[in-house]
Amino acid sequence: MAQSTLTTHTSPFTLLPEWAEQEAVVLAWPHQHSDWLSWIDAARAAYLKLISALNEANVTVILLCPAGELGIVKSMVSLNARVLIIPMDYNDTWTRDYIFVTCESAKGNVPVEFQFNGWGQKFEANSDNLVNQALSKLCRLPLTTCETVLEGGAIEIDQNQVLISTQSCLLNPKRNGDMALSTYRAIFEQYLGAEQVHIFEHGHLEGDDTDGHIDTLVRFTPLRSIVMQSAFNRPNDPHYAGLNALKQEIQEAFSGYPIFELPLPNMINDEGDRLPASYANFLICNQSVLAPVYQQQEDELAIETLQSAFPNHNIVPVDCSTIVQQFGSLHCITMQIPSATLKPEILALANQGVAVYDI
């Protein structure tokens, strides 16, 4: 059963929902020394298409890139693309989980960072943890740092400061030891302005290294409804019981909210492992919803379901059949930056076309 709580909003910060107007999205280039090497050409092609889709959604792309690959990137990205390349070392391309989140405050939008330790010490993350100190120099206001380990994909919030997350992720002892859920709630209130917190007990996708990030399972819409990764189309699938139990938790926590259930694909890699292909791992980007598709029979129904959930948005399919080979998807490789966060001169430089900015 989902653990829920109400709080009194005393924080100076309020985490902005994903549908707040955006000016940029942060990506990290899949380079030859990363885990993408086996799929490097296909991964780069996928990123180039994503960059085009993001520009069409009226956002600039902040593209992290190792200094040694600047020439490759500049030769591949369209010269007219709104892309600001930032030479940077990093361990992972999953920017959702280590790039700062953005909160409203009385002084303006504030970048807020948490600590990242490779999803509970599963992978190296030392370089990832240094990125925000540099990237925040692009922002109008200074970086606020919280010492708690928390990934961006582990939290979802709406415009009423209702925050959701999962027990399986938060209670992994290799993140924050034996930190209690009550302590997490206090942190969500202090740093993110959460007024209600719901922490779900059920739901997990095979192959998911994140221990059940909420952005693979349950998402809010601006119209007080919920989109969830379901398995209704696969009643004999191993995921069915857990995802059905998650649906029951959602119904209890959000009585009266329409629930839009996404079909579950069954993707297996060449080694025989189930891939965590989630249609819930979409990115809301201004008036568009960039929706992951996987060249599976469920793609069409997933797009139709998202259009029903987001009737005022343009649903843009993005082929993530290569991205999911590394056990993540579209939302995982992106982090949005709301409008009025970056310095005007930074945006002006990026809007002139492809440019390199050395922090």
Protein backbone atom coordinates (compact mmCIF):
# COMPACT_ATOMS: atom_id res chain seq x y z
CA MET A 1 0.00 0.00 0.00
CA ALA A 2 1.32 3.44 -0.88
CA GLN A 3 2.56 5.42 2.09
CA SER A 4 1.13 8.93 1.95
CA THR A 5 1.57 12.06 3.99
CA LEU A 6 0.50 15.70 4.06
CA THR A 7 2.97 18.43 4.98
CA THR A 8 2.91 22.14 5.69
CA HIS A 9 4.73 23.99 2.92
CA THR A 10 7.48 25.99 4.61
CA SER A 11 10.18 25.58 1.96
CA PRO A 12 11.51 28.58 0.03
CA PHE A 13 11.68 26.28 -3.01
CA THR A 14 8.99 24.67 -5.16
CA LEU A 15 9.99 22.04 -7.70
CA LEU A 16 8.50 22.92 -11.06
CA PRO A 17 6.42 20.26 -12.81
CA GLU A 18 7.67 19.00 -16.14
CA TRP A 19 4.99 20.86 -18.08
CA ALA A 20 6.27 24.24 -16.90
CA GLU A 21 7.58 26.21 -19.87
CA GLN A 22 11.07 25.05 -20.80
CA GLU A 23 14.01 26.80 -22.43
CA ALA A 24 16.50 23.93 -22.64
CA VAL A 25 17.06 20.21 -22.22
CA VAL A 26 20.37 18.69 -21.15
CA LEU A 27 21.77 15.66 -23.00
CA ALA A 28 25.11 13.85 -22.67
CA TRP A 29 26.64 12.64 -25.93
CA PRO A 30 27.10 8.84 -26.30
CA HIS A 31 30.85 8.71 -26.87
CA GLN A 32 33.18 5.89 -27.86
CA HIS A 33 34.54 5.37 -24.34
CA SER A 34 31.07 4.87 -22.88
CA ASP A 35 28.91 1.77 -22.58
CA TRP A 36 27.38 2.75 -25.93
CA LEU A 37 30.37 1.48 -27.91
CA SER A 38 28.57 -1.65 -29.19
CA TRP A 39 25.73 0.52 -30.53
CA ILE A 40 27.63 3.76 -31.06
CA ASP A 41 26.42 4.60 -34.58
CA ALA A 42 22.78 3.78 -33.84
CA ALA A 43 22.90 5.61 -30.49
CA ARG A 44 24.34 8.73 -32.09
CA ALA A 45 21.70 8.62 -34.83
CA ALA A 46 19.02 8.38 -32.14
CA TYR A 47 20.47 11.39 -30.33
CA LEU A 48 20.56 13.45 -33.51
CA LYS A 49 16.89 12.74 -34.14
CA LEU A 50 16.12 13.60 -30.52
CA ILE A 51 17.98 16.91 -30.83
CA SER A 52 15.83 17.78 -33.86
CA ALA A 53 12.65 16.88 -31.97
CA LEU A 54 13.69 19.00 -29.00
CA ASN A 55 14.45 22.01 -31.19
CA GLU A 56 11.06 21.57 -32.85
CA ALA A 57 9.52 21.64 -29.36
CA ASN A 58 11.13 25.07 -28.97
CA VAL A 59 13.94 24.22 -26.57
CA THR A 60 17.68 24.64 -26.83
CA VAL A 61 19.83 21.55 -26.29
CA ILE A 62 22.67 21.77 -23.79
CA LEU A 63 24.90 18.93 -24.98
CA LEU A 64 27.62 17.62 -22.68
CA CYS A 65 30.50 16.16 -24.66
CA PRO A 66 34.04 14.94 -23.87
CA ALA A 67 36.59 17.41 -25.23
CA GLY A 68 38.09 14.69 -27.43
CA GLU A 69 34.82 14.27 -29.36
CA LEU A 70 34.03 17.91 -30.09
CA GLY A 71 35.04 17.50 -33.73
CA ILE A 72 32.81 14.46 -34.20
CA VAL A 73 29.83 16.16 -32.61
CA LYS A 74 30.20 19.37 -34.63
CA SER A 75 30.47 17.35 -37.83
CA MET A 76 27.29 15.39 -37.08
CA VAL A 77 24.94 17.99 -35.60
CA SER A 78 23.20 20.27 -38.10
CA LEU A 79 24.84 23.70 -38.17
CA ASN A 80 21.45 25.36 -37.76
CA ALA A 81 20.52 23.31 -34.71
CA ARG A 82 20.07 25.19 -31.45
CA VAL A 83 22.77 23.30 -29.58
CA LEU A 84 25.26 24.56 -27.02
CA ILE A 85 28.07 22.02 -26.64
CA ILE A 86 29.71 21.95 -23.22
CA PRO A 87 33.08 20.12 -23.02
CA MET A 88 32.70 17.94 -19.93
CA ASP A 89 33.76 14.64 -18.40
CA TYR A 90 30.98 12.38 -17.18
CA ASN A 91 30.44 8.70 -16.43
CA ASP A 92 26.87 8.34 -17.67
CA THR A 93 24.59 9.62 -20.39
CA TRP A 94 21.54 9.31 -18.11
CA THR A 95 21.31 13.02 -17.34
CA ARG A 96 17.90 12.67 -15.68
CA ASP A 97 19.56 11.23 -12.64
CA TYR A 98 22.51 13.52 -11.97
CA ILE A 99 21.74 16.93 -13.51
CA PHE A 100 20.17 19.46 -11.13
CA VAL A 101 16.42 19.88 -10.82
CA THR A 102 14.91 23.37 -11.00
CA CYS A 103 12.80 25.00 -8.30
CA GLU A 104 10.91 28.26 -8.11
CA SER A 105 11.87 30.69 -5.37
CA ALA A 106 11.18 34.29 -4.46
CA LYS A 107 14.41 35.27 -6.23
CA GLY A 108 13.77 33.22 -9.38
CA ASN A 109 14.50 29.72 -10.58
CA VAL A 110 17.10 27.89 -8.50
CA PRO A 111 19.15 24.84 -9.61
CA VAL A 112 19.06 22.22 -6.83
CA GLU A 113 21.38 19.23 -6.87
CA PHE A 114 21.35 15.99 -4.91
CA GLN A 115 24.13 13.45 -4.71
CA PHE A 116 24.45 10.68 -7.30
CA ASN A 117 26.19 7.39 -6.54
CA GLY A 118 25.48 5.27 -9.58
CA TRP A 119 22.01 4.06 -8.54
CA GLY A 120 23.13 2.64 -5.24
CA GLN A 121 26.83 2.11 -6.00
CA LYS A 122 26.13 -0.08 -9.04
CA PHE A 123 28.32 2.03 -11.36
CA GLU A 124 31.08 4.62 -11.17
CA ALA A 125 29.73 8.14 -10.76
CA ASN A 126 32.59 10.36 -9.59
CA SER A 127 32.62 12.51 -12.74
CA ASP A 128 28.83 12.72 -12.82
CA ASN A 129 28.85 14.24 -9.36
CA LEU A 130 31.07 17.12 -10.51
CA VAL A 131 28.93 18.17 -13.48
CA ASN A 132 26.45 20.39 -11.63
CA GLN A 133 29.10 22.60 -10.07
CA ALA A 134 30.24 23.50 -13.58
CA LEU A 135 26.86 23.52 -15.30
CA SER A 136 25.32 25.79 -12.70
CA LYS A 137 27.61 28.58 -13.96
CA LEU A 138 25.19 28.83 -16.87
CA CYS A 139 22.35 29.68 -14.47
CA ARG A 140 21.12 33.03 -13.18
CA LEU A 141 21.10 31.92 -9.53
CA PRO A 142 23.65 29.87 -7.56
CA LEU A 143 23.40 26.12 -7.09
CA THR A 144 21.79 24.74 -3.92
CA THR A 145 23.22 21.41 -2.77
CA CYS A 146 21.55 18.67 -0.73
CA GLU A 147 23.81 15.88 0.52
CA THR A 148 21.11 13.21 0.18
CA VAL A 149 21.53 10.66 -2.61
CA LEU A 150 18.56 11.06 -4.95
CA GLU A 151 18.10 10.72 -8.71
CA GLY A 152 15.83 12.92 -10.78
CA GLY A 153 14.04 9.89 -12.18
CA ALA A 154 13.04 8.86 -8.66
CA ILE A 155 10.62 11.77 -8.19
CA GLU A 156 7.61 13.17 -10.00
CA ILE A 157 5.64 16.26 -8.96
CA ASP A 158 2.55 18.11 -10.18
CA GLN A 159 1.49 21.75 -10.08
CA ASN A 160 -0.11 21.25 -6.65
CA GLN A 161 3.17 20.10 -5.08
CA VAL A 162 2.05 16.48 -4.89
CA LEU A 163 5.18 14.33 -5.12
CA ILE A 164 5.35 10.61 -5.82
CA SER A 165 8.19 8.10 -5.56
CA THR A 166 8.82 4.40 -4.85
CA GLN A 167 9.91 2.49 -1.77
CA SER A 168 12.09 0.10 -3.74
CA CYS A 169 14.31 2.95 -4.86
CA LEU A 170 14.38 5.11 -1.75
CA LEU A 171 14.97 2.25 0.67
CA ASN A 172 17.96 0.76 -1.13
CA PRO A 173 20.52 0.94 1.72
CA LYS A 174 23.36 1.68 -0.69
CA ARG A 175 21.86 5.08 -1.39
CA ASN A 176 21.32 6.61 2.05
CA GLY A 177 21.85 3.75 4.50
CA ASP A 178 18.84 3.13 6.70
CA MET A 179 17.24 6.54 6.09
CA ALA A 180 13.55 6.33 6.93
CA LEU A 181 10.78 7.34 4.57
CA SER A 182 9.80 10.05 7.04
CA THR A 183 13.24 11.62 6.58
CA TYR A 184 12.87 11.48 2.82
CA ARG A 185 9.53 13.26 3.15
CA ALA A 186 11.13 16.01 5.21
CA ILE A 187 13.81 16.44 2.53
CA PHE A 188 11.19 16.53 -0.22
CA GLU A 189 9.40 19.25 1.73
CA GLN A 190 12.54 21.27 2.53
CA TYR A 191 14.26 21.20 -0.86
CA LEU A 192 11.38 20.58 -3.28
CA GLY A 193 8.40 22.21 -1.58
CA ALA A 194 6.35 19.01 -1.55
CA GLU A 195 3.01 19.39 0.23
CA GLN A 196 1.82 15.83 -0.26
CA VAL A 197 4.03 12.78 -0.68
CA HIS A 198 2.91 9.34 -1.91
CA ILE A 199 5.48 6.55 -1.91
CA PHE A 200 4.39 3.44 -3.80
CA GLU A 201 5.29 -0.04 -2.66
CA HIS A 202 4.65 -2.00 -5.86
CA GLY A 203 5.88 -1.86 -9.43
CA HIS A 204 9.22 -2.69 -11.03
CA LEU A 205 10.44 -3.57 -14.52
CA GLU A 206 12.93 -6.34 -15.18
CA GLY A 207 16.29 -4.99 -16.29
CA ASP A 208 15.79 -1.67 -14.49
CA ASP A 209 19.02 -0.75 -12.67
CA THR A 210 17.32 2.12 -10.83
CA ASP A 211 15.37 -0.09 -8.38
CA GLY A 212 12.05 1.12 -9.73
CA HIS A 213 12.27 4.81 -10.67
CA ILE A 214 8.88 6.45 -10.71
CA ASP A 215 9.51 7.81 -14.22
CA THR A 216 9.32 4.27 -15.60
CA LEU A 217 6.03 3.58 -13.82
CA VAL A 218 3.74 6.49 -12.93
CA ARG A 219 3.50 10.03 -14.38
CA PHE A 220 1.23 13.00 -13.79
CA THR A 221 -0.51 15.03 -16.50
CA PRO A 222 -1.47 18.73 -16.25
CA LEU A 223 -5.16 17.73 -16.24
CA ARG A 224 -5.18 15.93 -12.88
CA SER A 225 -4.86 12.49 -14.36
CA ILE A 226 -2.23 9.77 -14.18
CA VAL A 227 -0.43 7.73 -16.83
CA MET A 228 1.00 4.41 -15.72
CA GLN A 229 2.98 1.62 -17.25
CA SER A 230 0.55 -1.28 -17.07
CA ALA A 231 0.61 -4.89 -18.17
CA PHE A 232 -3.11 -5.21 -18.91
CA ASN A 233 -2.28 -6.54 -22.37
CA ARG A 234 -0.08 -9.32 -20.95
CA PRO A 235 -1.98 -11.05 -18.11
CA ASN A 236 0.51 -13.93 -18.08
CA ASP A 237 3.55 -11.68 -17.96
CA PRO A 238 5.71 -11.77 -14.79
CA HIS A 239 5.09 -8.03 -14.42
CA TYR A 240 1.31 -8.31 -14.34
CA ALA A 241 0.76 -8.87 -10.62
CA GLY A 242 3.12 -6.12 -9.48
CA LEU A 243 1.83 -3.52 -11.92
CA ASN A 244 -1.77 -4.40 -11.12
CA ALA A 245 -1.00 -3.95 -7.42
CA LEU A 246 0.55 -0.58 -8.30
CA LYS A 247 -2.66 0.42 -10.07
CA GLN A 248 -4.60 -0.35 -6.90
CA GLU A 249 -2.23 1.83 -4.90
CA ILE A 250 -2.72 4.66 -7.38
CA GLN A 251 -6.49 4.34 -7.16
CA GLU A 252 -6.34 4.52 -3.39
CA ALA A 253 -3.94 7.48 -3.27
CA PHE A 254 -5.57 9.42 -6.13
CA SER A 255 -9.25 8.65 -5.93
CA GLY A 256 -11.11 10.31 -8.78
CA TYR A 257 -8.05 10.72 -11.01
CA PRO A 258 -8.47 9.14 -14.45
CA ILE A 259 -5.75 6.51 -14.99
CA PHE A 260 -4.41 5.95 -18.48
CA GLU A 261 -2.81 2.51 -18.75
CA LEU A 262 -0.01 1.97 -21.23
CA PRO A 263 0.53 -1.47 -22.79
CA LEU A 264 3.66 -3.41 -21.91
CA PRO A 265 6.04 -4.52 -24.69
CA ASN A 266 8.17 -7.64 -24.36
CA MET A 267 11.66 -6.74 -25.52
CA ILE A 268 14.55 -9.21 -25.12
CA ASN A 269 18.15 -8.38 -25.98
CA ASP A 270 20.63 -10.64 -27.76
CA GLU A 271 21.76 -12.12 -24.44
CA GLY A 272 18.20 -13.12 -23.56
CA ASP A 273 17.65 -10.40 -20.95
CA ARG A 274 14.33 -8.58 -20.62
CA LEU A 275 14.69 -4.90 -21.39
CA PRO A 276 12.83 -2.26 -19.30
CA ALA A 277 10.96 -0.79 -22.26
CA SER A 278 8.53 1.64 -20.63
CA TYR A 279 6.15 3.87 -22.54
CA ALA A 280 5.79 5.92 -19.34
CA ASN A 281 9.36 7.18 -19.83
CA PHE A 282 8.16 10.11 -21.98
CA LEU A 283 9.32 13.74 -21.82
CA ILE A 284 6.81 16.58 -21.61
CA CYS A 285 8.42 19.40 -23.56
CA ASN A 286 6.41 22.60 -23.89
CA GLN A 287 3.43 21.79 -26.12
CA SER A 288 4.81 18.40 -27.11
CA VAL A 289 5.14 15.03 -25.43
CA LEU A 290 8.16 13.19 -26.77
CA ALA A 291 7.08 9.57 -26.52
CA PRO A 292 9.43 6.58 -26.62
CA VAL A 293 8.58 3.86 -29.12
CA TYR A 294 10.45 0.60 -29.58
CA GLN A 295 9.42 -0.81 -32.98
CA GLN A 296 7.02 -3.11 -31.13
CA GLN A 297 3.40 -4.00 -31.82
CA GLU A 298 2.33 -1.99 -28.76
CA ASP A 299 3.74 1.30 -30.09
CA GLU A 300 0.55 2.44 -31.81
CA LEU A 301 -1.68 1.83 -28.80
CA ALA A 302 0.83 3.57 -26.53
CA ILE A 303 0.76 6.68 -28.74
CA GLU A 304 -3.04 6.66 -28.83
CA THR A 305 -3.18 6.36 -25.04
CA LEU A 306 -0.78 9.25 -24.54
CA GLN A 307 -2.79 11.41 -26.92
CA SER A 308 -5.88 10.71 -24.81
CA ALA A 309 -3.97 11.58 -21.63
CA PHE A 310 -2.51 14.76 -23.18
CA PRO A 311 -5.26 16.09 -25.46
CA ASN A 312 -3.68 19.55 -25.58
CA HIS A 313 -0.21 18.32 -26.54
CA ASN A 314 1.38 17.11 -29.73
CA ILE A 315 2.56 13.51 -29.28
CA VAL A 316 5.92 13.03 -31.01
CA PRO A 317 7.14 9.41 -31.31
CA VAL A 318 10.88 8.99 -30.75
CA ASP A 319 12.50 5.68 -31.65
CA CYS A 320 14.21 4.40 -28.49
CA SER A 321 14.80 0.83 -29.61
CA THR A 322 18.55 1.46 -29.42
CA ILE A 323 18.47 3.53 -26.23
CA VAL A 324 16.69 0.76 -24.32
CA GLN A 325 19.55 -1.64 -25.11
CA GLN A 326 21.37 0.15 -22.27
CA PHE A 327 18.36 -0.41 -19.98
CA GLY A 328 16.91 3.10 -20.04
CA SER A 329 14.81 5.27 -22.31
CA LEU A 330 13.87 8.78 -23.39
CA HIS A 331 13.13 10.44 -20.07
CA CYS A 332 16.27 8.91 -18.57
CA ILE A 333 18.60 10.61 -21.09
CA THR A 334 17.04 14.06 -20.74
CA MET A 335 16.75 16.76 -18.06
CA GLN A 336 14.64 19.81 -18.75
CA ILE A 337 15.53 23.35 -17.69
CA PRO A 338 12.52 25.64 -17.20
CA SER A 339 12.39 29.12 -18.70
CA ALA A 340 14.16 31.97 -16.87
CA THR A 341 16.77 29.62 -15.37
CA LEU A 342 19.75 30.09 -17.71
CA LYS A 343 21.58 33.38 -18.19
CA PRO A 344 20.20 35.26 -21.22
CA GLU A 345 23.61 35.42 -22.89
CA ILE A 346 23.89 31.62 -22.73
CA LEU A 347 20.59 31.15 -24.53
CA ALA A 348 21.48 33.85 -27.05
CA LEU A 349 24.70 32.03 -27.90
CA ALA A 350 22.93 28.71 -28.35
CA ASN A 351 20.18 30.22 -30.46
CA GLN A 352 22.71 31.35 -33.06
CA GLY A 353 23.31 27.72 -34.07
CA VAL A 354 25.77 25.10 -32.92
CA ALA A 355 28.25 26.65 -30.51
CA VAL A 356 30.86 25.46 -28.02
CA TYR A 357 31.01 26.99 -24.55
CA ASP A 358 33.94 26.05 -22.35
CA ILE A 359 33.01 26.48 -18.70
